[in-house]
Amino acid sequence: MSDRQDEKQALLLLPGLLCDERLWRDQIRDLSDLADIRVADLTQDDSVAAMAARVLAAAPPRFALAGLSMGGYVAFEILRQQPERVSKLALLDTSAVPDSPLRAMQRRAGLRLLDRGRFAGVTRQLLPTLVHAQHVDGPVGREVQAMAQRVGAQAYRRQQTAILERPDSRSLLASIAVPTLVVVGEDDQLTPPAAAEEMHRGIAGSTLERIARCGHLPTMEQPQLASDLLRRWLQE
């Protein structure tokens, strides 16, 4: 086919907790010449299985798949349900391991606050765990907070419930046979480089990229570098 549009591969982007399309804004712009890009809606369901099923129902027959944080948990579930539809995999600042007891306790504490009618989104106190210090007081920090408010309290409840109940994905890693890119911010406190290294070791032939001066959200913190890494991955 000579039509340039027909030559583009499908790319499906999976956001993280309290994230919307803004998470991937720069990559959508930077990669539109190379891919037909869609951002999945992960706000409607309270299990990763239901999230994955919803994504698959709306997805093209075969696609490259990139997930960040919670999006990575859903990517693993898509590989459980219909692995033959995934042509490439990118895992950004995520983990194959379930929550630690401490992290699970923190999530449940957030849900209890919701029960009392309190939803703070991403607070100024929480920002340093999400983004590098250089972004806390700048436009990236403000956009992260605005994004969380747009997603809102009820989606937050569903997403945290799904994350808490997600399965352990370590046993899945050895079965992944598509070109896989693993990306992590050097300063990611939530899913640190050790989690990325474990996934990299478990997925044969995968590529690991660590991004300096970057926390949990490289697509917003270091957008050009994130786009460049994804471009190289898509062109493999």
C-alpha atoms as a PDB file:
ATOM      1  CA  MET A   1       0.000   0.000   0.000  1.00  0.00           C
ATOM      2  CA  SER A   2       1.359   3.400  -0.895  1.00  0.00           C
ATOM      3  CA  ASP A   3      -0.764   5.482   1.484  1.00  0.00           C
ATOM      4  CA  ARG A   4       1.466   6.660   4.295  1.00  0.00           C
ATOM      5  CA  GLN A   5      -1.349   6.253   6.829  1.00  0.00           C
ATOM      6  CA  ASP A   6      -1.649   2.578   5.917  1.00  0.00           C
ATOM      7  CA  GLU A   7       2.019   2.090   6.764  1.00  0.00           C
ATOM      8  CA  LYS A   8       1.658   3.283  10.320  1.00  0.00           C
ATOM      9  CA  GLN A   9       1.575   0.739  13.100  1.00  0.00           C
ATOM     10  CA  ALA A  10      -1.011   0.947  15.848  1.00  0.00           C
ATOM     11  CA  LEU A  11       0.309   2.163  19.202  1.00  0.00           C
ATOM     12  CA  LEU A  12      -1.792   1.820  22.341  1.00  0.00           C
ATOM     13  CA  LEU A  13      -0.810   3.919  25.365  1.00  0.00           C
ATOM     14  CA  LEU A  14      -1.899   2.995  28.891  1.00  0.00           C
ATOM     15  CA  PRO A  15      -1.895   5.762  31.544  1.00  0.00           C
ATOM     16  CA  GLY A  16      -1.010   5.458  35.201  1.00  0.00           C
ATOM     17  CA  LEU A  17      -3.029   6.106  38.351  1.00  0.00           C
ATOM     18  CA  LEU A  18      -4.794   9.488  38.237  1.00  0.00           C
ATOM     19  CA  CYS A  19      -3.385  10.119  34.750  1.00  0.00           C
ATOM     20  CA  ASP A  20      -5.119  10.984  31.499  1.00  0.00           C
ATOM     21  CA  GLU A  21      -3.985  11.741  27.945  1.00  0.00           C
ATOM     22  CA  ARG A  22      -1.803  14.590  29.217  1.00  0.00           C
ATOM     23  CA  LEU A  23       0.661  11.952  30.448  1.00  0.00           C
ATOM     24  CA  TRP A  24       1.407  11.074  26.809  1.00  0.00           C
ATOM     25  CA  ARG A  25       0.812  14.476  25.166  1.00  0.00           C
ATOM     26  CA  ASP A  26       4.343  14.976  23.900  1.00  0.00           C
ATOM     27  CA  GLN A  27       4.726  11.411  22.678  1.00  0.00           C
ATOM     28  CA  ILE A  28       1.450  11.633  20.761  1.00  0.00           C
ATOM     29  CA  ARG A  29       2.822  14.710  19.018  1.00  0.00           C
ATOM     30  CA  ASP A  30       6.335  13.361  18.471  1.00  0.00           C
ATOM     31  CA  LEU A  31       5.388   9.893  17.221  1.00  0.00           C
ATOM     32  CA  SER A  32       2.316  10.687  15.119  1.00  0.00           C
ATOM     33  CA  ASP A  33       4.353  10.362  11.913  1.00  0.00           C
ATOM     34  CA  LEU A  34       5.234   6.802  12.844  1.00  0.00           C
ATOM     35  CA  ALA A  35       2.165   5.387  14.573  1.00  0.00           C
ATOM     36  CA  ASP A  36      -1.610   5.526  14.767  1.00  0.00           C
ATOM     37  CA  ILE A  37      -1.849   6.352  18.477  1.00  0.00           C
ATOM     38  CA  ARG A  38      -4.668   5.746  20.926  1.00  0.00           C
ATOM     39  CA  VAL A  39      -4.757   6.387  24.678  1.00  0.00           C
ATOM     40  CA  ALA A  40      -6.834   3.852  26.593  1.00  0.00           C
ATOM     41  CA  ASP A  41      -9.399   4.841  29.216  1.00  0.00           C
ATOM     42  CA  LEU A  42      -8.471   3.106  32.484  1.00  0.00           C
ATOM     43  CA  THR A  43     -10.929   4.995  34.682  1.00  0.00           C
ATOM     44  CA  GLN A  44     -14.040   2.830  34.372  1.00  0.00           C
ATOM     45  CA  ASP A  45     -13.120  -0.486  36.030  1.00  0.00           C
ATOM     46  CA  ASP A  46     -11.982  -1.700  39.441  1.00  0.00           C
ATOM     47  CA  SER A  47      -9.846  -4.666  38.354  1.00  0.00           C
ATOM     48  CA  VAL A  48      -6.925  -4.962  35.967  1.00  0.00           C
ATOM     49  CA  ALA A  49      -8.714  -7.870  34.277  1.00  0.00           C
ATOM     50  CA  ALA A  50     -11.716  -5.683  33.449  1.00  0.00           C
ATOM     51  CA  MET A  51      -9.457  -2.804  32.385  1.00  0.00           C
ATOM     52  CA  ALA A  52      -7.568  -5.098  30.000  1.00  0.00           C
ATOM     53  CA  ALA A  53     -10.777  -6.564  28.590  1.00  0.00           C
ATOM     54  CA  ARG A  54     -12.154  -3.072  27.927  1.00  0.00           C
ATOM     55  CA  VAL A  55      -8.919  -2.018  26.221  1.00  0.00           C
ATOM     56  CA  LEU A  56      -8.853  -5.125  24.051  1.00  0.00           C
ATOM     57  CA  ALA A  57     -12.484  -4.714  23.010  1.00  0.00           C
ATOM     58  CA  ALA A  58     -11.696  -1.274  21.546  1.00  0.00           C
ATOM     59  CA  ALA A  59      -8.198  -1.997  20.231  1.00  0.00           C
ATOM     60  CA  PRO A  60      -7.104  -2.824  16.667  1.00  0.00           C
ATOM     61  CA  PRO A  61      -6.317  -6.457  15.880  1.00  0.00           C
ATOM     62  CA  ARG A  62      -2.584  -6.023  16.559  1.00  0.00           C
ATOM     63  CA  PHE A  63      -0.737  -3.177  18.229  1.00  0.00           C
ATOM     64  CA  ALA A  64       2.387  -1.981  19.984  1.00  0.00           C
ATOM     65  CA  LEU A  65       1.658  -1.490  23.680  1.00  0.00           C
ATOM     66  CA  ALA A  66       3.192   0.993  26.121  1.00  0.00           C
ATOM     67  CA  GLY A  67       2.143   1.293  29.754  1.00  0.00           C
ATOM     68  CA  LEU A  68       3.365   3.551  32.542  1.00  0.00           C
ATOM     69  CA  SER A  69       2.999   2.559  36.201  1.00  0.00           C
ATOM     70  CA  MET A  70      -0.589   1.237  36.545  1.00  0.00           C
ATOM     71  CA  GLY A  71      -0.617   1.085  32.759  1.00  0.00           C
ATOM     72  CA  GLY A  72       2.166  -1.482  33.016  1.00  0.00           C
ATOM     73  CA  TYR A  73       0.012  -3.636  35.308  1.00  0.00           C
ATOM     74  CA  VAL A  74      -2.732  -3.537  32.687  1.00  0.00           C
ATOM     75  CA  ALA A  75      -0.208  -4.321  29.939  1.00  0.00           C
ATOM     76  CA  PHE A  76       0.756  -7.494  31.784  1.00  0.00           C
ATOM     77  CA  GLU A  77      -2.923  -8.446  32.016  1.00  0.00           C
ATOM     78  CA  ILE A  78      -3.393  -7.857  28.279  1.00  0.00           C
ATOM     79  CA  LEU A  79      -0.515 -10.271  27.723  1.00  0.00           C
ATOM     80  CA  ARG A  80      -2.316 -12.814  29.888  1.00  0.00           C
ATOM     81  CA  GLN A  81      -5.589 -12.444  28.021  1.00  0.00           C
ATOM     82  CA  GLN A  82      -4.545 -12.038  24.364  1.00  0.00           C
ATOM     83  CA  PRO A  83      -0.742 -12.043  23.969  1.00  0.00           C
ATOM     84  CA  GLU A  84      -0.932 -12.718  20.230  1.00  0.00           C
ATOM     85  CA  ARG A  85      -2.267  -9.205  19.605  1.00  0.00           C
ATOM     86  CA  VAL A  86       0.767  -7.412  21.063  1.00  0.00           C
ATOM     87  CA  SER A  87       3.577  -6.739  18.572  1.00  0.00           C
ATOM     88  CA  LYS A  88       5.899  -4.755  20.869  1.00  0.00           C
ATOM     89  CA  LEU A  89       5.919  -3.902  24.569  1.00  0.00           C
ATOM     90  CA  ALA A  90       7.206  -0.845  26.461  1.00  0.00           C
ATOM     91  CA  LEU A  91       7.106  -0.818  30.268  1.00  0.00           C
ATOM     92  CA  LEU A  92       7.741   2.593  31.810  1.00  0.00           C
ATOM     93  CA  ASP A  93       8.231   3.084  35.549  1.00  0.00           C
ATOM     94  CA  THR A  94       6.238   0.041  36.532  1.00  0.00           C
ATOM     95  CA  SER A  95       6.802  -3.271  38.285  1.00  0.00           C
ATOM     96  CA  ALA A  96       5.936  -6.932  37.922  1.00  0.00           C
ATOM     97  CA  VAL A  97       5.826  -7.318  41.708  1.00  0.00           C
ATOM     98  CA  PRO A  98       2.715  -6.806  43.877  1.00  0.00           C
ATOM     99  CA  ASP A  99       2.661  -4.023  46.445  1.00  0.00           C
ATOM    100  CA  SER A 100       4.738  -4.345  49.584  1.00  0.00           C
ATOM    101  CA  PRO A 101       2.673  -4.494  52.789  1.00  0.00           C
ATOM    102  CA  LEU A 102       3.598  -0.861  53.481  1.00  0.00           C
ATOM    103  CA  ARG A 103       2.558   0.328  50.017  1.00  0.00           C
ATOM    104  CA  ALA A 104      -0.718  -1.618  50.230  1.00  0.00           C
ATOM    105  CA  MET A 105      -1.408  -0.042  53.628  1.00  0.00           C
ATOM    106  CA  GLN A 106      -0.821   3.422  52.152  1.00  0.00           C
ATOM    107  CA  ARG A 107      -3.264   2.733  49.323  1.00  0.00           C
ATOM    108  CA  ARG A 108      -5.931   1.515  51.751  1.00  0.00           C
ATOM    109  CA  ALA A 109      -5.427   4.625  53.848  1.00  0.00           C
ATOM    110  CA  GLY A 110      -6.162   6.719  50.752  1.00  0.00           C
ATOM    111  CA  LEU A 111      -9.341   4.763  50.152  1.00  0.00           C
ATOM    112  CA  ARG A 112     -10.443   5.311  53.749  1.00  0.00           C
ATOM    113  CA  LEU A 113     -10.049   9.054  53.241  1.00  0.00           C
ATOM    114  CA  LEU A 114     -12.396   8.783  50.276  1.00  0.00           C
ATOM    115  CA  ASP A 115     -14.928   7.052  52.504  1.00  0.00           C
ATOM    116  CA  ARG A 116     -14.868  10.187  54.641  1.00  0.00           C
ATOM    117  CA  GLY A 117     -15.410  12.374  51.598  1.00  0.00           C
ATOM    118  CA  ARG A 118     -11.819  13.541  51.273  1.00  0.00           C
ATOM    119  CA  PHE A 119     -10.041  13.465  47.918  1.00  0.00           C
ATOM    120  CA  ALA A 120      -6.904  15.551  47.677  1.00  0.00           C
ATOM    121  CA  GLY A 121      -5.629  14.218  44.341  1.00  0.00           C
ATOM    122  CA  VAL A 122      -1.888  14.794  44.133  1.00  0.00           C
ATOM    123  CA  THR A 123      -0.943  17.102  46.993  1.00  0.00           C
ATOM    124  CA  ARG A 124       2.112  19.327  47.182  1.00  0.00           C
ATOM    125  CA  GLN A 125       3.483  16.924  49.797  1.00  0.00           C
ATOM    126  CA  LEU A 126       3.042  13.943  47.468  1.00  0.00           C
ATOM    127  CA  LEU A 127       4.645  15.542  44.412  1.00  0.00           C
ATOM    128  CA  PRO A 128       8.261  14.811  45.448  1.00  0.00           C
ATOM    129  CA  THR A 129       7.501  11.085  45.330  1.00  0.00           C
ATOM    130  CA  LEU A 130       6.180  11.420  41.767  1.00  0.00           C
ATOM    131  CA  VAL A 131       8.563  13.799  40.022  1.00  0.00           C
ATOM    132  CA  HIS A 132      12.191  14.870  40.314  1.00  0.00           C
ATOM    133  CA  ALA A 133      12.836  17.786  42.664  1.00  0.00           C
ATOM    134  CA  GLN A 134      13.427  20.126  39.727  1.00  0.00           C
ATOM    135  CA  HIS A 135       9.779  19.720  38.667  1.00  0.00           C
ATOM    136  CA  VAL A 136       7.960  19.964  41.992  1.00  0.00           C
ATOM    137  CA  ASP A 137       7.434  23.725  41.872  1.00  0.00           C
ATOM    138  CA  GLY A 138       7.279  24.109  38.096  1.00  0.00           C
ATOM    139  CA  PRO A 139       4.772  23.547  35.305  1.00  0.00           C
ATOM    140  CA  VAL A 140       5.183  19.764  35.341  1.00  0.00           C
ATOM    141  CA  GLY A 141       4.181  19.583  38.990  1.00  0.00           C
ATOM    142  CA  ARG A 142       1.167  21.797  38.387  1.00  0.00           C
ATOM    143  CA  GLU A 143       0.066  19.705  35.399  1.00  0.00           C
ATOM    144  CA  VAL A 144       0.369  16.490  37.387  1.00  0.00           C
ATOM    145  CA  GLN A 145      -1.914  17.970  40.039  1.00  0.00           C
ATOM    146  CA  ALA A 146      -4.414  19.224  37.454  1.00  0.00           C
ATOM    147  CA  MET A 147      -4.450  15.835  35.740  1.00  0.00           C
ATOM    148  CA  ALA A 148      -5.317  14.089  39.019  1.00  0.00           C
ATOM    149  CA  GLN A 149      -8.213  16.458  39.623  1.00  0.00           C
ATOM    150  CA  ARG A 150      -9.570  15.781  36.126  1.00  0.00           C
ATOM    151  CA  VAL A 151      -9.528  12.025  36.710  1.00  0.00           C
ATOM    152  CA  GLY A 152     -11.284  12.512  40.026  1.00  0.00           C
ATOM    153  CA  ALA A 153     -12.245  10.673  43.176  1.00  0.00           C
ATOM    154  CA  GLN A 154     -14.423   7.862  41.842  1.00  0.00           C
ATOM    155  CA  ALA A 155     -11.926   6.800  39.193  1.00  0.00           C
ATOM    156  CA  TYR A 156      -9.215   6.964  41.872  1.00  0.00           C
ATOM    157  CA  ARG A 157     -11.232   4.537  44.006  1.00  0.00           C
ATOM    158  CA  ARG A 158     -11.641   2.094  41.123  1.00  0.00           C
ATOM    159  CA  GLN A 159      -7.991   2.351  40.100  1.00  0.00           C
ATOM    160  CA  GLN A 160      -6.584   1.879  43.603  1.00  0.00           C
ATOM    161  CA  THR A 161      -8.848  -1.133  44.120  1.00  0.00           C
ATOM    162  CA  ALA A 162      -7.581  -2.636  40.869  1.00  0.00           C
ATOM    163  CA  ILE A 163      -3.950  -1.988  41.792  1.00  0.00           C
ATOM    164  CA  LEU A 164      -4.338  -3.515  45.252  1.00  0.00           C
ATOM    165  CA  GLU A 165      -5.834  -6.696  43.821  1.00  0.00           C
ATOM    166  CA  ARG A 166      -3.523  -7.089  40.813  1.00  0.00           C
ATOM    167  CA  PRO A 167      -1.743 -10.422  40.355  1.00  0.00           C
ATOM    168  CA  ASP A 168       1.977 -11.041  40.635  1.00  0.00           C
ATOM    169  CA  SER A 169       3.340 -10.767  37.080  1.00  0.00           C
ATOM    170  CA  ARG A 170       6.842 -12.142  37.632  1.00  0.00           C
ATOM    171  CA  SER A 171       5.889 -15.586  36.315  1.00  0.00           C
ATOM    172  CA  LEU A 172       4.730 -13.947  33.067  1.00  0.00           C
ATOM    173  CA  LEU A 173       8.059 -12.329  32.219  1.00  0.00           C
ATOM    174  CA  ALA A 174       9.752 -15.384  30.717  1.00  0.00           C
ATOM    175  CA  SER A 175       6.889 -15.859  28.246  1.00  0.00           C
ATOM    176  CA  ILE A 176       7.224 -12.374  26.721  1.00  0.00           C
ATOM    177  CA  ALA A 177       8.760 -12.827  23.281  1.00  0.00           C
ATOM    178  CA  VAL A 178       8.119  -9.479  21.570  1.00  0.00           C
ATOM    179  CA  PRO A 179      10.617  -6.579  21.397  1.00  0.00           C
ATOM    180  CA  THR A 180      10.446  -5.042  24.863  1.00  0.00           C
ATOM    181  CA  LEU A 181      11.687  -1.711  26.172  1.00  0.00           C
ATOM    182  CA  VAL A 182      11.948  -1.119  29.925  1.00  0.00           C
ATOM    183  CA  VAL A 183      12.315   2.515  31.023  1.00  0.00           C
ATOM    184  CA  VAL A 184      12.796   3.944  34.512  1.00  0.00           C
ATOM    185  CA  GLY A 185      13.629   7.309  36.010  1.00  0.00           C
ATOM    186  CA  GLU A 186      16.832   7.151  38.060  1.00  0.00           C
ATOM    187  CA  ASP A 187      15.045   8.960  40.896  1.00  0.00           C
ATOM    188  CA  ASP A 188      11.753   7.047  40.759  1.00  0.00           C
ATOM    189  CA  GLN A 189      10.715   6.422  44.363  1.00  0.00           C
ATOM    190  CA  LEU A 190       7.530   4.469  43.618  1.00  0.00           C
ATOM    191  CA  THR A 191       8.860   1.884  41.152  1.00  0.00           C
ATOM    192  CA  PRO A 192      12.626   2.307  41.519  1.00  0.00           C
ATOM    193  CA  PRO A 193      15.341   1.130  39.122  1.00  0.00           C
ATOM    194  CA  ALA A 194      15.607  -2.202  40.942  1.00  0.00           C
ATOM    195  CA  ALA A 195      12.054  -3.045  39.797  1.00  0.00           C
ATOM    196  CA  ALA A 196      12.964  -2.198  36.198  1.00  0.00           C
ATOM    197  CA  GLU A 197      16.120  -4.293  36.415  1.00  0.00           C
ATOM    198  CA  GLU A 198      14.106  -7.286  37.623  1.00  0.00           C
ATOM    199  CA  MET A 199      11.748  -7.012  34.639  1.00  0.00           C
ATOM    200  CA  HIS A 200      14.689  -6.564  32.268  1.00  0.00           C
ATOM    201  CA  ARG A 201      16.367  -9.706  33.593  1.00  0.00           C
ATOM    202  CA  GLY A 202      13.137 -11.663  33.301  1.00  0.00           C
ATOM    203  CA  ILE A 203      12.299 -10.684  29.692  1.00  0.00           C
ATOM    204  CA  ALA A 204      14.785 -12.206  27.266  1.00  0.00           C
ATOM    205  CA  GLY A 205      16.236  -9.713  24.802  1.00  0.00           C
ATOM    206  CA  SER A 206      14.658  -6.673  26.464  1.00  0.00           C
ATOM    207  CA  THR A 207      16.325  -3.258  26.519  1.00  0.00           C
ATOM    208  CA  LEU A 208      16.678  -1.273  29.752  1.00  0.00           C
ATOM    209  CA  GLU A 209      16.967   2.526  29.716  1.00  0.00           C
ATOM    210  CA  ARG A 210      17.513   4.603  32.858  1.00  0.00           C
ATOM    211  CA  ILE A 211      16.725   8.319  32.637  1.00  0.00           C
ATOM    212  CA  ALA A 212      18.776  10.717  34.746  1.00  0.00           C
ATOM    213  CA  ARG A 213      17.147  13.545  36.739  1.00  0.00           C
ATOM    214  CA  CYS A 214      13.765  11.894  36.399  1.00  0.00           C
ATOM    215  CA  GLY A 215      11.191  10.518  38.800  1.00  0.00           C
ATOM    216  CA  HIS A 216       8.105   8.390  38.130  1.00  0.00           C
ATOM    217  CA  LEU A 217       6.732  10.250  35.092  1.00  0.00           C
ATOM    218  CA  PRO A 218       9.402  10.384  32.343  1.00  0.00           C
ATOM    219  CA  THR A 219       6.926  11.158  29.575  1.00  0.00           C
ATOM    220  CA  MET A 220       6.243  14.496  31.292  1.00  0.00           C
ATOM    221  CA  GLU A 221       9.571  15.104  33.057  1.00  0.00           C
ATOM    222  CA  GLN A 222      11.899  14.218  30.171  1.00  0.00           C
ATOM    223  CA  PRO A 223       9.463  14.209  27.237  1.00  0.00           C
ATOM    224  CA  GLN A 224      11.942  14.467  24.380  1.00  0.00           C
ATOM    225  CA  LEU A 225      14.107  11.649  25.681  1.00  0.00           C
ATOM    226  CA  ALA A 226      11.040   9.496  26.339  1.00  0.00           C
ATOM    227  CA  SER A 227       9.827  10.135  22.788  1.00  0.00           C
ATOM    228  CA  ASP A 228      13.239   9.305  21.358  1.00  0.00           C
ATOM    229  CA  LEU A 229      13.383   5.999  23.236  1.00  0.00           C
ATOM    230  CA  LEU A 230       9.886   5.056  22.100  1.00  0.00           C
ATOM    231  CA  ARG A 231      10.688   6.024  18.511  1.00  0.00           C
ATOM    232  CA  ARG A 232      13.725   3.742  18.489  1.00  0.00           C
ATOM    233  CA  TRP A 233      11.618   0.932  19.981  1.00  0.00           C
ATOM    234  CA  LEU A 234       8.863   1.380  17.402  1.00  0.00           C
ATOM    235  CA  GLN A 235      11.387   1.292  14.569  1.00  0.00           C
ATOM    236  CA  GLU A 236      12.964  -1.998  15.672  1.00  0.00           C
END
